């Protein structure tokens, strides 16, 4: 349902996971130049995975508990992706040859924030439904 705020948050996660990593550089390598998500197969699969999980969560709007669980799993995938980026950035050479970290490494952080906001909205909806059921 598009009128719910968590749907907008999840659409933001889809855009962050499926579109943005392929326009924004992840890091600059001394050997290959600028590295995008399309250059690293595992990274691009993880980004597509987060987008697919967010899309599945949107279509589970009738079952809020499974939507909540899908978002939690999506957060875990984003945390693994963030951990890979931290590991990769710590292993980039910083000597005489220039290697820079790209802004694309922050995409999992923004995705996690949007997923947390979506889960808060889902919990608020669930509490509202429970309170209405109590009144019947």
C-alpha atoms as a PDB file:
ATOM      1  CA  UNK A   1       0.000   0.000   0.000  1.00  0.00           C
ATOM      2  CA  UNK A   2       1.613   3.200  -1.170  1.00  0.00           C
ATOM      3  CA  UNK A   3      -0.127   5.459   1.341  1.00  0.00           C
ATOM      4  CA  UNK A   4       1.736   3.974   4.295  1.00  0.00           C
ATOM      5  CA  UNK A   5       4.932   5.736   5.319  1.00  0.00           C
ATOM      6  CA  UNK A   6       6.903   2.482   5.625  1.00  0.00           C
ATOM      7  CA  UNK A   7       6.266   1.860   1.934  1.00  0.00           C
ATOM      8  CA  UNK A   8       8.002   5.124   1.116  1.00  0.00           C
ATOM      9  CA  UNK A   9      10.923   4.164   3.349  1.00  0.00           C
ATOM     10  CA  UNK A  10      11.169   0.792   1.623  1.00  0.00           C
ATOM     11  CA  UNK A  11      11.044   2.440  -1.817  1.00  0.00           C
ATOM     12  CA  UNK A  12      14.001   4.522  -0.635  1.00  0.00           C
ATOM     13  CA  UNK A  13      15.838   1.307   0.267  1.00  0.00           C
ATOM     14  CA  UNK A  14      15.058  -0.098  -3.183  1.00  0.00           C
ATOM     15  CA  UNK A  15      16.453   3.008  -4.847  1.00  0.00           C
ATOM     16  CA  UNK A  16      19.535   2.931  -2.622  1.00  0.00           C
ATOM     17  CA  UNK A  17      20.115  -0.758  -3.335  1.00  0.00           C
ATOM     18  CA  UNK A  18      19.259  -1.094  -7.001  1.00  0.00           C
ATOM     19  CA  UNK A  19      20.093   2.250  -8.587  1.00  0.00           C
ATOM     20  CA  UNK A  20      22.553   4.324  -6.589  1.00  0.00           C
ATOM     21  CA  UNK A  21      25.497   1.862  -6.230  1.00  0.00           C
ATOM     22  CA  UNK A  22      25.862   1.741  -9.989  1.00  0.00           C
ATOM     23  CA  UNK A  23      26.143   5.534 -10.337  1.00  0.00           C
ATOM     24  CA  UNK A  24      28.243   6.321  -7.267  1.00  0.00           C
ATOM     25  CA  UNK A  25      31.771   5.005  -6.867  1.00  0.00           C
ATOM     26  CA  UNK A  26      32.474   2.664  -3.981  1.00  0.00           C
ATOM     27  CA  UNK A  27      36.201   3.249  -3.851  1.00  0.00           C
ATOM     28  CA  UNK A  28      39.129   4.212  -6.052  1.00  0.00           C
ATOM     29  CA  UNK A  29      41.671   1.479  -6.511  1.00  0.00           C
ATOM     30  CA  UNK A  30      45.243   2.133  -7.526  1.00  0.00           C
ATOM     31  CA  UNK A  31      45.244  -0.700 -10.088  1.00  0.00           C
ATOM     32  CA  UNK A  32      41.823  -0.561 -11.735  1.00  0.00           C
ATOM     33  CA  UNK A  33      40.743   3.013 -11.132  1.00  0.00           C
ATOM     34  CA  UNK A  34      37.250   3.811  -9.914  1.00  0.00           C
ATOM     35  CA  UNK A  35      35.329   0.769  -8.647  1.00  0.00           C
ATOM     36  CA  UNK A  36      31.545   0.675  -8.952  1.00  0.00           C
ATOM     37  CA  UNK A  37      29.199  -2.053  -7.710  1.00  0.00           C
ATOM     38  CA  UNK A  38      29.019  -3.527 -11.219  1.00  0.00           C
ATOM     39  CA  UNK A  39      32.766  -4.255 -11.064  1.00  0.00           C
ATOM     40  CA  UNK A  40      32.382  -6.455  -7.968  1.00  0.00           C
ATOM     41  CA  UNK A  41      29.922  -9.318  -8.494  1.00  0.00           C
ATOM     42  CA  UNK A  42      29.419 -10.157  -4.803  1.00  0.00           C
ATOM     43  CA  UNK A  43      28.785  -6.517  -3.913  1.00  0.00           C
ATOM     44  CA  UNK A  44      26.293  -6.052  -6.742  1.00  0.00           C
ATOM     45  CA  UNK A  45      24.464  -9.249  -5.712  1.00  0.00           C
ATOM     46  CA  UNK A  46      24.264  -7.991  -2.127  1.00  0.00           C
ATOM     47  CA  UNK A  47      22.870  -4.647  -3.282  1.00  0.00           C
ATOM     48  CA  UNK A  48      20.323  -6.379  -5.514  1.00  0.00           C
ATOM     49  CA  UNK A  49      19.469  -8.683  -2.610  1.00  0.00           C
ATOM     50  CA  UNK A  50      18.660  -5.738  -0.369  1.00  0.00           C
ATOM     51  CA  UNK A  51      16.477  -4.221  -3.095  1.00  0.00           C
ATOM     52  CA  UNK A  52      14.611  -7.501  -3.624  1.00  0.00           C
ATOM     53  CA  UNK A  53      14.065  -7.966   0.116  1.00  0.00           C
ATOM     54  CA  UNK A  54      12.673  -4.448   0.379  1.00  0.00           C
ATOM     55  CA  UNK A  55      10.354  -5.083  -2.578  1.00  0.00           C
ATOM     56  CA  UNK A  56       9.135  -8.303  -0.975  1.00  0.00           C
ATOM     57  CA  UNK A  57       8.500  -6.426   2.255  1.00  0.00           C
ATOM     58  CA  UNK A  58       6.374  -3.880   0.386  1.00  0.00           C
ATOM     59  CA  UNK A  59       4.169  -6.617  -1.047  1.00  0.00           C
ATOM     60  CA  UNK A  60       3.762  -8.226   2.406  1.00  0.00           C
ATOM     61  CA  UNK A  61       1.729  -5.255   3.634  1.00  0.00           C
ATOM     62  CA  UNK A  62      -1.126  -7.480   4.844  1.00  0.00           C
ATOM     63  CA  UNK A  63       1.179  -9.556   7.052  1.00  0.00           C
ATOM     64  CA  UNK A  64       2.999  -6.990   9.174  1.00  0.00           C
ATOM     65  CA  UNK A  65       4.924  -9.547  11.224  1.00  0.00           C
ATOM     66  CA  UNK A  66       6.573 -11.115   8.180  1.00  0.00           C
ATOM     67  CA  UNK A  67       7.230  -7.614   6.822  1.00  0.00           C
ATOM     68  CA  UNK A  68       8.988  -6.788  10.080  1.00  0.00           C
ATOM     69  CA  UNK A  69      11.074  -9.990   9.875  1.00  0.00           C
ATOM     70  CA  UNK A  70      12.031  -9.318   6.241  1.00  0.00           C
ATOM     71  CA  UNK A  71      13.218  -5.852   7.206  1.00  0.00           C
ATOM     72  CA  UNK A  72      15.289  -7.290  10.049  1.00  0.00           C
ATOM     73  CA  UNK A  73      16.896  -9.771   7.653  1.00  0.00           C
ATOM     74  CA  UNK A  74      17.542  -6.926   5.228  1.00  0.00           C
ATOM     75  CA  UNK A  75      19.293  -5.021   8.025  1.00  0.00           C
ATOM     76  CA  UNK A  76      21.540  -8.023   8.637  1.00  0.00           C
ATOM     77  CA  UNK A  77      22.441  -8.193   4.924  1.00  0.00           C
ATOM     78  CA  UNK A  78      23.235  -4.472   4.981  1.00  0.00           C
ATOM     79  CA  UNK A  79      25.370  -4.928   8.103  1.00  0.00           C
ATOM     80  CA  UNK A  80      27.377  -7.654   6.334  1.00  0.00           C
ATOM     81  CA  UNK A  81      27.769  -5.355   3.340  1.00  0.00           C
ATOM     82  CA  UNK A  82      28.884  -2.523   5.601  1.00  0.00           C
ATOM     83  CA  UNK A  83      31.350  -4.861   7.333  1.00  0.00           C
ATOM     84  CA  UNK A  84      32.797  -5.827   3.945  1.00  0.00           C
ATOM     85  CA  UNK A  85      33.200  -2.162   3.057  1.00  0.00           C
ATOM     86  CA  UNK A  86      34.939  -1.408   6.354  1.00  0.00           C
ATOM     87  CA  UNK A  87      37.250  -4.387   5.854  1.00  0.00           C
ATOM     88  CA  UNK A  88      37.951  -3.307   2.282  1.00  0.00           C
ATOM     89  CA  UNK A  89      38.617   0.297   3.260  1.00  0.00           C
ATOM     90  CA  UNK A  90      41.040  -0.759   5.970  1.00  0.00           C
ATOM     91  CA  UNK A  91      42.940  -2.885   3.455  1.00  0.00           C
ATOM     92  CA  UNK A  92      43.209  -0.198   0.775  1.00  0.00           C
ATOM     93  CA  UNK A  93      46.761   0.902   0.333  1.00  0.00           C
ATOM     94  CA  UNK A  94      47.415   4.399   1.547  1.00  0.00           C
ATOM     95  CA  UNK A  95      51.026   4.836   0.615  1.00  0.00           C
ATOM     96  CA  UNK A  96      52.438   6.921  -2.185  1.00  0.00           C
ATOM     97  CA  UNK A  97      49.797   5.698  -4.604  1.00  0.00           C
ATOM     98  CA  UNK A  98      46.434   7.355  -4.121  1.00  0.00           C
ATOM     99  CA  UNK A  99      43.442   5.250  -3.061  1.00  0.00           C
ATOM    100  CA  UNK A 100      40.242   6.883  -1.940  1.00  0.00           C
ATOM    101  CA  UNK A 101      37.092   5.676  -0.323  1.00  0.00           C
ATOM    102  CA  UNK A 102      33.957   6.548  -2.266  1.00  0.00           C
ATOM    103  CA  UNK A 103      30.671   7.886  -1.005  1.00  0.00           C
ATOM    104  CA  UNK A 104      29.046   4.623  -2.108  1.00  0.00           C
ATOM    105  CA  UNK A 105      30.371   2.925   1.008  1.00  0.00           C
ATOM    106  CA  UNK A 106      27.751   4.818   3.024  1.00  0.00           C
ATOM    107  CA  UNK A 107      24.796   3.359   1.120  1.00  0.00           C
ATOM    108  CA  UNK A 108      24.298   0.470   3.606  1.00  0.00           C
ATOM    109  CA  UNK A 109      24.215   2.987   6.481  1.00  0.00           C
ATOM    110  CA  UNK A 110      21.424   4.973   4.820  1.00  0.00           C
ATOM    111  CA  UNK A 111      19.588   1.733   4.005  1.00  0.00           C
ATOM    112  CA  UNK A 112      19.773   0.599   7.626  1.00  0.00           C
ATOM    113  CA  UNK A 113      18.403   3.948   8.814  1.00  0.00           C
ATOM    114  CA  UNK A 114      15.476   3.719   6.381  1.00  0.00           C
ATOM    115  CA  UNK A 115      14.806   0.117   7.415  1.00  0.00           C
ATOM    116  CA  UNK A 116      14.758   1.089  11.093  1.00  0.00           C
ATOM    117  CA  UNK A 117      12.287   3.877  10.322  1.00  0.00           C
ATOM    118  CA  UNK A 118      10.134   1.435   8.333  1.00  0.00           C
ATOM    119  CA  UNK A 119      10.151  -1.058  11.206  1.00  0.00           C
ATOM    120  CA  UNK A 120       9.097   1.655  13.646  1.00  0.00           C
ATOM    121  CA  UNK A 121       6.170   2.541  11.390  1.00  0.00           C
ATOM    122  CA  UNK A 122       5.221  -1.131  11.021  1.00  0.00           C
ATOM    123  CA  UNK A 123       5.287  -1.539  14.808  1.00  0.00           C
ATOM    124  CA  UNK A 124       3.130   1.565  15.182  1.00  0.00           C
ATOM    125  CA  UNK A 125       0.591   0.092  12.712  1.00  0.00           C
ATOM    126  CA  UNK A 126       0.613  -3.228  14.553  1.00  0.00           C
ATOM    127  CA  UNK A 127       0.018  -1.493  17.892  1.00  0.00           C
ATOM    128  CA  UNK A 128      -2.843   0.491  16.371  1.00  0.00           C
ATOM    129  CA  UNK A 129      -4.515  -2.664  15.065  1.00  0.00           C
ATOM    130  CA  UNK A 130      -4.107  -4.359  18.459  1.00  0.00           C
ATOM    131  CA  UNK A 131      -5.641  -1.392  20.256  1.00  0.00           C
ATOM    132  CA  UNK A 132      -8.633  -1.360  17.899  1.00  0.00           C
ATOM    133  CA  UNK A 133      -9.091  -5.114  18.386  1.00  0.00           C
ATOM    134  CA  UNK A 134      -9.117  -4.579  22.129  1.00  0.00           C
ATOM    135  CA  UNK A 135     -11.992  -2.126  21.843  1.00  0.00           C
ATOM    136  CA  UNK A 136     -14.252  -4.588  20.009  1.00  0.00           C
END
